[in-house]
Structures are given as structure tokens and as C-alpha cells.
């Protein structure tokens, strides 16, 4: 009459009231706390800056309606259970971005997801005036949200940018075989070269 053992139902959150009903008489309330979400594995661990990579997260205590953020930006949850989440990455950039699962106001410890580094494939046209101002298109992948393009170490004047293409005007310069590079945060990629003419 003084001890009651029971198995907790599925749930989420903290401060959940525990009440005992004996023949219509309700006990005073005590509280029960479910564990916060905890992520054990993430697969895959990398993906393109454009987003859209399908991730599978395994762990515990994901609750009924978990949310996932990567670098503070919400991912799209496709399906979930208490031990697995399938989600789609948002657009982003950079290495070691914190991935967090939130369930009923409680957050998991951060895990890490990395966006792929930039790749520069081509520049069109690949020749232009030493005075600069030539409109060029740089193509590649994983240019991220803030990719910065340079020709011969000088910044391109960017007109438009997306994850696979940067359009802008060349800086003043001279000489052949000037490197074309795109930097996304701490990572830089070089590819084709640009030639200054008359």
C-alpha cells in the first residue's frame, strides 16, 4: 500500500505530472522528466551547400514531433520515431556545423555536419581586358551562401551568385594564367585560369 511500480508511457519533455487514481480519489501531483534527445549517429556526415541531402539520425528520446537544426537553420523532417529521424538538410556552408535535435523544448548536445568544400570548374570567357570590367561566369559547385571569387588574388565584382555559379565583372589586372578561385568561409578552391589581354 506504500509502493507502486509502473512503466512510463512514451512521452517527451520534463515536468510531466504523475497522478495516482484510487477508486476515484486523485493523489497529489509529482513530476516525471523524460530524457533529452541524444544523437548517436548521423549518416551521411557531409553534403552539398545547396542542401537537399537526406540524413538519417539514430539515437534516443526524439519524442513525438522533433525538430532538427544544422548551423541554426531548420532541416526538413521527413519521418521520425523515438529512435530515428530522417530529414533533409537546408542550404548552408562550412565545416563542423552544429546539428541539434529539439524535442518538447529540450535540445540534444551538438553533433557535427559539414558542407562540402567549393569546386571551381570553369570561367567563361577566360580572357579579358587589363582594364577589368569583363563580364564572366564562374561555374562549379558548393559556392555556399557567401562565396567570394577572385582572379589573380583580386576580388570579382559579383552581380549574381548561387551554389553552382557566380556572375560578375573582372578586376583590373595583367598577365596570363591568373588563378581563378572561390572562397567559402575558411576553404578555398582554385580551378581554371584567366588571361588578361590588351
Protein backbone atom coordinates (compact mmCIF):
# COMPACT_ATOMS: atom_id res chain seq x y z
CA UNK A 1 0.00 0.00 0.00
CA UNK A 2 3.02 2.30 0.06
CA UNK A 3 4.87 1.38 -3.14
CA UNK A 4 3.69 1.47 -6.74
CA UNK A 5 5.82 0.31 -9.65
CA UNK A 6 4.83 1.24 -13.20
CA UNK A 7 6.27 1.51 -16.70
CA UNK A 8 6.25 5.02 -18.10
CA UNK A 9 4.35 5.53 -21.37
CA UNK A 10 6.02 7.01 -24.43
CA UNK A 11 6.45 10.76 -23.99
CA UNK A 12 8.69 13.78 -24.17
CA UNK A 13 9.66 16.85 -22.20
CA UNK A 14 10.02 17.49 -18.50
CA UNK A 15 7.79 18.34 -15.57
CA UNK A 16 5.14 15.82 -16.63
CA UNK A 17 2.66 15.30 -13.76
CA UNK A 18 2.26 11.88 -12.13
CA UNK A 19 -1.10 11.24 -10.50
CA UNK A 20 -2.46 8.12 -8.83
CA UNK A 21 -6.18 7.41 -9.04
CA UNK A 22 -7.55 5.03 -6.43
CA UNK A 23 -11.30 4.49 -6.60
CA UNK A 24 -11.83 7.99 -7.90
CA UNK A 25 -9.53 9.66 -5.40
CA UNK A 26 -6.64 11.53 -7.02
CA UNK A 27 -3.26 11.83 -5.32
CA UNK A 28 -1.24 14.98 -5.09
CA UNK A 29 0.99 15.57 -8.12
CA UNK A 30 4.59 14.61 -8.62
CA UNK A 31 6.61 15.23 -11.79
CA UNK A 32 8.48 12.99 -14.19
CA UNK A 33 11.16 14.11 -16.64
CA UNK A 34 11.80 12.35 -19.94
CA UNK A 35 15.42 12.31 -21.06
CA UNK A 36 16.52 14.98 -23.54
CA UNK A 37 17.16 13.84 -27.12
CA UNK A 38 20.55 12.27 -27.75
CA UNK A 39 22.02 11.64 -31.21
CA UNK A 40 24.27 8.60 -31.63
CA UNK A 41 24.90 8.56 -35.40
CA UNK A 42 24.44 10.80 -38.44
CA UNK A 43 24.62 9.41 -41.96
CA UNK A 44 25.97 10.83 -44.17
CA UNK A 45 28.18 13.35 -42.37
CA UNK A 46 28.64 15.69 -45.35
CA UNK A 47 26.58 17.14 -48.17
CA UNK A 48 26.45 19.93 -50.78
CA UNK A 49 25.92 23.55 -49.78
CA UNK A 50 22.70 23.67 -51.81
CA UNK A 51 21.12 21.38 -49.22
CA UNK A 52 18.69 18.60 -50.02
CA UNK A 53 20.83 15.79 -48.61
CA UNK A 54 18.75 13.13 -46.87
CA UNK A 55 20.17 12.38 -43.42
CA UNK A 56 19.35 9.50 -41.11
CA UNK A 57 19.85 10.23 -37.41
CA UNK A 58 19.75 7.48 -34.80
CA UNK A 59 19.63 7.94 -31.07
CA UNK A 60 17.19 8.09 -28.19
CA UNK A 61 14.40 10.25 -26.78
CA UNK A 62 13.48 12.00 -30.01
CA UNK A 63 9.88 12.30 -28.83
CA UNK A 64 6.75 12.68 -30.92
CA UNK A 65 7.48 15.74 -33.07
CA UNK A 66 11.20 16.52 -33.11
CA UNK A 67 12.85 19.39 -34.97
CA UNK A 68 16.39 19.39 -36.39
CA UNK A 69 18.65 22.37 -36.99
CA UNK A 70 22.00 22.49 -38.78
CA UNK A 71 24.07 25.58 -38.16
CA UNK A 72 20.97 27.10 -36.58
CA UNK A 73 18.87 26.61 -39.72
CA UNK A 74 15.89 24.26 -39.69
CA UNK A 75 16.16 20.98 -41.59
CA UNK A 76 13.04 19.38 -43.09
CA UNK A 77 11.97 16.36 -41.04
CA UNK A 78 10.61 13.66 -43.34
CA UNK A 79 9.85 10.98 -40.74
CA UNK A 80 10.62 10.32 -37.11
CA UNK A 81 10.31 7.86 -34.25
CA UNK A 82 11.68 7.90 -30.73
CA UNK A 83 14.97 6.42 -32.01
CA UNK A 84 15.33 7.60 -35.64
CA UNK A 85 14.86 10.77 -37.66
CA UNK A 86 15.06 11.11 -41.42
CA UNK A 87 15.50 14.71 -42.53
CA UNK A 88 16.64 16.85 -45.45
CA UNK A 89 19.46 19.36 -44.99
CA UNK A 90 18.92 23.09 -45.54
CA UNK A 91 21.25 25.17 -47.69
CA UNK A 92 24.38 26.13 -45.78
CA UNK A 93 28.15 26.27 -45.81
CA UNK A 94 31.23 25.47 -43.76
CA UNK A 95 32.74 22.61 -41.82
CA UNK A 96 31.59 21.24 -38.47
CA UNK A 97 28.19 22.91 -38.33
CA UNK A 98 26.28 22.00 -35.15
CA UNK A 99 23.40 19.60 -35.71
CA UNK A 100 20.85 19.71 -32.90
CA UNK A 101 17.63 17.78 -32.27
CA UNK A 102 14.92 19.62 -30.32
CA UNK A 103 12.05 17.76 -28.67
CA UNK A 104 9.45 19.40 -26.43
CA UNK A 105 11.77 22.30 -25.65
CA UNK A 106 14.79 20.13 -24.85
CA UNK A 107 17.87 20.04 -27.07
CA UNK A 108 20.45 17.38 -27.77
CA UNK A 109 24.14 18.07 -27.36
CA UNK A 110 25.51 19.39 -30.68
CA UNK A 111 26.74 16.90 -33.24
CA UNK A 112 28.68 17.96 -36.34
CA UNK A 113 27.71 18.07 -40.01
CA UNK A 114 29.99 19.51 -42.72
CA UNK A 115 29.02 21.07 -46.02
CA UNK A 116 31.20 20.14 -48.98
CA UNK A 117 34.09 22.43 -49.98
CA UNK A 118 33.85 24.59 -53.10
CA UNK A 119 34.88 23.28 -56.52
CA UNK A 120 35.68 25.60 -59.45
CA UNK A 121 35.11 24.02 -62.87
CA UNK A 122 35.25 26.80 -65.47
CA UNK A 123 35.28 30.52 -66.22
CA UNK A 124 33.64 31.95 -69.35
CA UNK A 125 35.08 33.85 -71.13
CA UNK A 126 38.61 33.12 -69.97
CA UNK A 127 40.15 36.25 -71.50
CA UNK A 128 39.50 39.93 -70.97
CA UNK A 129 40.84 43.47 -70.89
CA UNK A 130 43.56 44.54 -68.45
CA UNK A 131 41.22 47.41 -67.55
CA UNK A 132 38.84 44.93 -65.95
CA UNK A 133 35.08 45.06 -66.28
CA UNK A 134 34.76 41.91 -68.38
CA UNK A 135 31.56 40.05 -67.52
CA UNK A 136 32.46 36.46 -66.62
CA UNK A 137 30.62 33.40 -65.37
CA UNK A 138 32.34 31.03 -62.95
CA UNK A 139 30.75 27.60 -62.66
CA UNK A 140 31.35 24.82 -60.16
CA UNK A 141 29.69 23.57 -57.01
CA UNK A 142 29.33 24.31 -53.31
CA UNK A 143 29.78 28.06 -53.59
CA UNK A 144 27.62 28.34 -50.48
CA UNK A 145 25.79 31.43 -49.28
CA UNK A 146 28.74 33.82 -49.15
CA UNK A 147 31.25 32.56 -51.72
CA UNK A 148 33.87 35.14 -52.73
CA UNK A 149 35.51 34.90 -56.18
CA UNK A 150 38.95 36.21 -57.07
CA UNK A 151 41.05 36.47 -60.22
CA UNK A 152 44.76 36.77 -59.67
CA UNK A 153 44.11 37.42 -55.99
CA UNK A 154 41.78 40.36 -56.66
CA UNK A 155 38.04 40.18 -55.91
CA UNK A 156 35.48 39.83 -58.65
CA UNK A 157 32.65 42.37 -58.55
CA UNK A 158 29.80 39.90 -58.05
CA UNK A 159 26.45 40.55 -59.73
CA UNK A 160 24.65 37.27 -59.00
CA UNK A 161 25.59 34.15 -57.09
CA UNK A 162 24.15 30.74 -56.32
CA UNK A 163 25.59 27.43 -55.16
CA UNK A 164 26.83 26.48 -58.63
CA UNK A 165 27.51 29.76 -60.42
CA UNK A 166 28.95 33.23 -59.84
CA UNK A 167 28.50 36.04 -62.37
CA UNK A 168 30.48 39.25 -62.08
CA UNK A 169 32.99 41.68 -63.54
CA UNK A 170 36.73 41.14 -63.58
CA UNK A 171 39.08 43.38 -61.61
CA UNK A 172 41.89 45.37 -63.20
CA UNK A 173 44.83 43.06 -63.87
CA UNK A 174 47.50 41.89 -66.25
CA UNK A 175 49.24 38.75 -67.42
CA UNK A 176 48.25 35.29 -68.46
CA UNK A 177 47.39 32.29 -66.31
CA UNK A 178 45.81 34.27 -63.49
CA UNK A 179 44.29 31.93 -60.93
CA UNK A 180 40.52 31.82 -60.54
CA UNK A 181 39.41 30.95 -57.02
CA UNK A 182 36.28 30.81 -54.88
CA UNK A 183 36.49 31.01 -51.09
CA UNK A 184 33.68 29.83 -48.85
CA UNK A 185 34.45 30.71 -45.25
CA UNK A 186 37.84 29.11 -44.49
CA UNK A 187 38.00 26.88 -47.58
CA UNK A 188 39.28 28.00 -51.00
CA UNK A 189 39.21 26.21 -54.34
CA UNK A 190 41.15 27.09 -57.49
CA UNK A 191 40.48 25.75 -60.93
CA UNK A 192 40.89 27.23 -64.39
CA UNK A 193 42.91 30.34 -65.22
CA UNK A 194 42.05 33.73 -66.73
CA UNK A 195 44.18 35.58 -69.27
CA UNK A 196 44.39 39.36 -69.42
CA UNK A 197 44.91 40.76 -72.91
CA UNK A 198 45.20 44.25 -74.35
